[in-house]
Amino acid sequence: MSSNARDRLVRAGCWAGAALVLAGVFALYTRPAFMVTLIDQIWACF
């Protein structure tokens, strides 16, 4: 496999991973109870 093709595969994998992480974060915003718990935990740090 050439270096150029490998670089493209790595770049595509990174973009796919970032898209999955963003989709997971956006999915968590649809659960209000999770968001309240998260904010309570963050607020408890102060």
PDB file of N, CA and C in Angstrom:
ATOM      1  N   MET A   1       0.852  -1.167   0.000  1.00  0.00           N
ATOM      2  CA  MET A   1       0.000   0.000   0.000  1.00  0.00           C
ATOM      3  C   MET A   1       0.904   1.239   0.000  1.00  0.00           C
ATOM      4  N   SER A   2       0.562   2.183  -0.829  1.00  0.00           N
ATOM      5  CA  SER A   2       1.391   3.387  -0.916  1.00  0.00           C
ATOM      6  C   SER A   2       1.131   4.296   0.282  1.00  0.00           C
ATOM      7  N   SER A   3       2.065   5.156   0.525  1.00  0.00           N
ATOM      8  CA  SER A   3       1.967   6.074   1.662  1.00  0.00           C
ATOM      9  C   SER A   3       0.767   7.005   1.507  1.00  0.00           C
ATOM     10  N   ASN A   4       0.494   7.422   0.284  1.00  0.00           N
ATOM     11  CA  ASN A   4      -0.613   8.332   0.025  1.00  0.00           C
ATOM     12  C   ASN A   4      -1.951   7.665   0.352  1.00  0.00           C
ATOM     13  N   ALA A   5      -2.105   6.424  -0.061  1.00  0.00           N
ATOM     14  CA  ALA A   5      -3.347   5.702   0.203  1.00  0.00           C
ATOM     15  C   ALA A   5      -3.508   5.454   1.707  1.00  0.00           C
ATOM     16  N   ARG A   6      -2.416   5.138   2.387  1.00  0.00           N
ATOM     17  CA  ARG A   6      -2.474   4.908   3.832  1.00  0.00           C
ATOM     18  C   ARG A   6      -2.858   6.195   4.566  1.00  0.00           C
ATOM     19  N   ASP A   7      -2.296   7.309   4.122  1.00  0.00           N
ATOM     20  CA  ASP A   7      -2.627   8.592   4.731  1.00  0.00           C
ATOM     21  C   ASP A   7      -4.110   8.921   4.557  1.00  0.00           C
ATOM     22  N   ARG A   8      -4.645   8.600   3.384  1.00  0.00           N
ATOM     23  CA  ARG A   8      -6.074   8.850   3.145  1.00  0.00           C
ATOM     24  C   ARG A   8      -6.942   7.971   4.040  1.00  0.00           C
ATOM     25  N   LEU A   9      -6.552   6.721   4.213  1.00  0.00           N
ATOM     26  CA  LEU A   9      -7.315   5.833   5.091  1.00  0.00           C
ATOM     27  C   LEU A   9      -7.268   6.297   6.543  1.00  0.00           C
ATOM     28  N   VAL A  10      -6.110   6.732   6.979  1.00  0.00           N
ATOM     29  CA  VAL A  10      -5.981   7.231   8.351  1.00  0.00           C
ATOM     30  C   VAL A  10      -6.832   8.477   8.531  1.00  0.00           C
ATOM     31  N   ARG A  11      -6.774   9.371   7.562  1.00  0.00           N
ATOM     32  CA  ARG A  11      -7.566  10.607   7.646  1.00  0.00           C
ATOM     33  C   ARG A  11      -9.060  10.296   7.647  1.00  0.00           C
ATOM     34  N   ALA A  12      -9.489   9.375   6.797  1.00  0.00           N
ATOM     35  CA  ALA A  12     -10.905   8.993   6.755  1.00  0.00           C
ATOM     36  C   ALA A  12     -11.327   8.340   8.074  1.00  0.00           C
ATOM     37  N   GLY A  13     -10.452   7.533   8.646  1.00  0.00           N
ATOM     38  CA  GLY A  13     -10.753   6.913   9.934  1.00  0.00           C
ATOM     39  C   GLY A  13     -10.885   7.941  11.039  1.00  0.00           C
ATOM     40  N   CYS A  14     -10.019   8.941  11.017  1.00  0.00           N
ATOM     41  CA  CYS A  14     -10.108  10.010  12.026  1.00  0.00           C
ATOM     42  C   CYS A  14     -11.408  10.791  11.886  1.00  0.00           C
ATOM     43  N   TRP A  15     -11.789  11.102  10.655  1.00  0.00           N
ATOM     44  CA  TRP A  15     -13.052  11.823  10.431  1.00  0.00           C
ATOM     45  C   TRP A  15     -14.244  10.976  10.868  1.00  0.00           C
ATOM     46  N   ALA A  16     -14.203   9.682  10.575  1.00  0.00           N
ATOM     47  CA  ALA A  16     -15.301   8.796  10.976  1.00  0.00           C
ATOM     48  C   ALA A  16     -15.381   8.700  12.495  1.00  0.00           C
ATOM     49  N   GLY A  17     -14.240   8.610  13.159  1.00  0.00           N
ATOM     50  CA  GLY A  17     -14.228   8.569  14.621  1.00  0.00           C
ATOM     51  C   GLY A  17     -14.776   9.847  15.223  1.00  0.00           C
ATOM     52  N   ALA A  18     -14.377  10.985  14.673  1.00  0.00           N
ATOM     53  CA  ALA A  18     -14.876  12.272  15.169  1.00  0.00           C
ATOM     54  C   ALA A  18     -16.382  12.382  14.961  1.00  0.00           C
ATOM     55  N   ALA A  19     -16.869  11.901  13.821  1.00  0.00           N
ATOM     56  CA  ALA A  19     -18.305  11.951  13.549  1.00  0.00           C
ATOM     57  C   ALA A  19     -19.069  11.070  14.526  1.00  0.00           C
ATOM     58  N   LEU A  20     -18.526   9.905  14.861  1.00  0.00           N
ATOM     59  CA  LEU A  20     -19.192   9.029  15.838  1.00  0.00           C
ATOM     60  C   LEU A  20     -19.231   9.659  17.225  1.00  0.00           C
ATOM     61  N   VAL A  21     -18.150  10.293  17.616  1.00  0.00           N
ATOM     62  CA  VAL A  21     -18.123  10.958  18.921  1.00  0.00           C
ATOM     63  C   VAL A  21     -19.154  12.086  18.959  1.00  0.00           C
ATOM     64  N   LEU A  22     -19.199  12.897  17.908  1.00  0.00           N
ATOM     65  CA  LEU A  22     -20.180  13.984  17.861  1.00  0.00           C
ATOM     66  C   LEU A  22     -21.609  13.457  17.865  1.00  0.00           C
ATOM     67  N   ALA A  23     -21.867  12.381  17.139  1.00  0.00           N
ATOM     68  CA  ALA A  23     -23.207  11.797  17.124  1.00  0.00           C
ATOM     69  C   ALA A  23     -23.580  11.300  18.515  1.00  0.00           C
ATOM     70  N   GLY A  24     -22.622  10.721  19.231  1.00  0.00           N
ATOM     71  CA  GLY A  24     -22.893  10.264  20.594  1.00  0.00           C
ATOM     72  C   GLY A  24     -23.201  11.415  21.528  1.00  0.00           C
ATOM     73  N   VAL A  25     -22.458  12.507  21.404  1.00  0.00           N
ATOM     74  CA  VAL A  25     -22.709  13.679  22.252  1.00  0.00           C
ATOM     75  C   VAL A  25     -24.078  14.265  21.937  1.00  0.00           C
ATOM     76  N   PHE A  26     -24.410  14.398  20.678  1.00  0.00           N
ATOM     77  CA  PHE A  26     -25.713  14.937  20.320  1.00  0.00           C
ATOM     78  C   PHE A  26     -26.837  14.017  20.780  1.00  0.00           C
ATOM     79  N   ALA A  27     -26.621  12.712  20.765  1.00  0.00           N
ATOM     80  CA  ALA A  27     -27.641  11.772  21.236  1.00  0.00           C
ATOM     81  C   ALA A  27     -27.881  11.943  22.735  1.00  0.00           C
ATOM     82  N   LEU A  28     -26.830  12.253  23.486  1.00  0.00           N
ATOM     83  CA  LEU A  28     -27.001  12.457  24.928  1.00  0.00           C
ATOM     84  C   LEU A  28     -27.839  13.692  25.227  1.00  0.00           C
ATOM     85  N   TYR A  29     -27.833  14.677  24.347  1.00  0.00           N
ATOM     86  CA  TYR A  29     -28.644  15.871  24.570  1.00  0.00           C
ATOM     87  C   TYR A  29     -30.133  15.576  24.474  1.00  0.00           C
ATOM     88  N   THR A  30     -30.509  14.441  23.926  1.00  0.00           N
ATOM     89  CA  THR A  30     -31.924  14.087  23.839  1.00  0.00           C
ATOM     90  C   THR A  30     -32.424  13.462  25.134  1.00  0.00           C
ATOM     91  N   ARG A  31     -31.535  13.261  26.104  1.00  0.00           N
ATOM     92  CA  ARG A  31     -31.903  12.677  27.397  1.00  0.00           C
ATOM     93  C   ARG A  31     -31.777  13.746  28.476  1.00  0.00           C
ATOM     94  N   PRO A  32     -32.878  14.412  28.811  1.00  0.00           N
ATOM     95  CA  PRO A  32     -32.804  15.500  29.787  1.00  0.00           C
ATOM     96  C   PRO A  32     -32.302  15.048  31.161  1.00  0.00           C
ATOM     97  N   ALA A  33     -32.644  13.848  31.585  1.00  0.00           N
ATOM     98  CA  ALA A  33     -32.208  13.379  32.903  1.00  0.00           C
ATOM     99  C   ALA A  33     -30.688  13.262  32.954  1.00  0.00           C
ATOM    100  N   PHE A  34     -30.092  12.812  31.879  1.00  0.00           N
ATOM    101  CA  PHE A  34     -28.629  12.723  31.833  1.00  0.00           C
ATOM    102  C   PHE A  34     -28.011  14.109  31.933  1.00  0.00           C
ATOM    103  N   MET A  35     -28.572  15.055  31.207  1.00  0.00           N
ATOM    104  CA  MET A  35     -28.023  16.404  31.232  1.00  0.00           C
ATOM    105  C   MET A  35     -28.133  17.022  32.620  1.00  0.00           C
ATOM    106  N   VAL A  36     -29.240  16.800  33.313  1.00  0.00           N
ATOM    107  CA  VAL A  36     -29.393  17.326  34.671  1.00  0.00           C
ATOM    108  C   VAL A  36     -28.365  16.696  35.596  1.00  0.00           C
ATOM    109  N   THR A  37     -28.172  15.393  35.486  1.00  0.00           N
ATOM    110  CA  THR A  37     -27.174  14.714  36.318  1.00  0.00           C
ATOM    111  C   THR A  37     -25.777  15.236  36.031  1.00  0.00           C
ATOM    112  N   LEU A  38     -25.451  15.417  34.778  1.00  0.00           N
ATOM    113  CA  LEU A  38     -24.137  15.923  34.394  1.00  0.00           C
ATOM    114  C   LEU A  38     -23.913  17.325  34.953  1.00  0.00           C
ATOM    115  N   ILE A  39     -24.898  18.191  34.826  1.00  0.00           N
ATOM    116  CA  ILE A  39     -24.748  19.555  35.328  1.00  0.00           C
ATOM    117  C   ILE A  39     -24.657  19.559  36.845  1.00  0.00           C
ATOM    118  N   ASP A  40     -25.407  18.692  37.513  1.00  0.00           N
ATOM    119  CA  ASP A  40     -25.301  18.594  38.978  1.00  0.00           C
ATOM    120  C   ASP A  40     -23.905  18.157  39.395  1.00  0.00           C
ATOM    121  N   GLN A  41     -23.323  17.228  38.670  1.00  0.00           N
ATOM    122  CA  GLN A  41     -21.959  16.756  39.006  1.00  0.00           C
ATOM    123  C   GLN A  41     -20.928  17.854  38.769  1.00  0.00           C
ATOM    124  N   ILE A  42     -21.105  18.588  37.688  1.00  0.00           N
ATOM    125  CA  ILE A  42     -20.173  19.693  37.407  1.00  0.00           C
ATOM    126  C   ILE A  42     -20.324  20.772  38.474  1.00  0.00           C
ATOM    127  N   TRP A  43     -21.571  21.087  38.838  1.00  0.00           N
ATOM    128  CA  TRP A  43     -21.815  22.115  39.843  1.00  0.00           C
ATOM    129  C   TRP A  43     -21.257  21.712  41.209  1.00  0.00           C
ATOM    130  N   ALA A  44     -21.259  20.414  41.500  1.00  0.00           N
ATOM    131  CA  ALA A  44     -20.738  19.932  42.778  1.00  0.00           C
ATOM    132  C   ALA A  44     -19.233  20.168  42.901  1.00  0.00           C
ATOM    133  N   CYS A  45     -18.549  20.352  41.800  1.00  0.00           N
ATOM    134  CA  CYS A  45     -17.110  20.624  41.858  1.00  0.00           C
ATOM    135  C   CYS A  45     -16.819  22.004  42.421  1.00  0.00           C
ATOM    136  N   PHE A  46     -17.791  22.898  42.365  1.00  0.00           N
ATOM    137  CA  PHE A  46     -17.582  24.262  42.850  1.00  0.00           C
ATOM    138  C   PHE A  46     -18.204  24.380  44.193  1.00  0.00           C
TER     139      PHE A  46
END
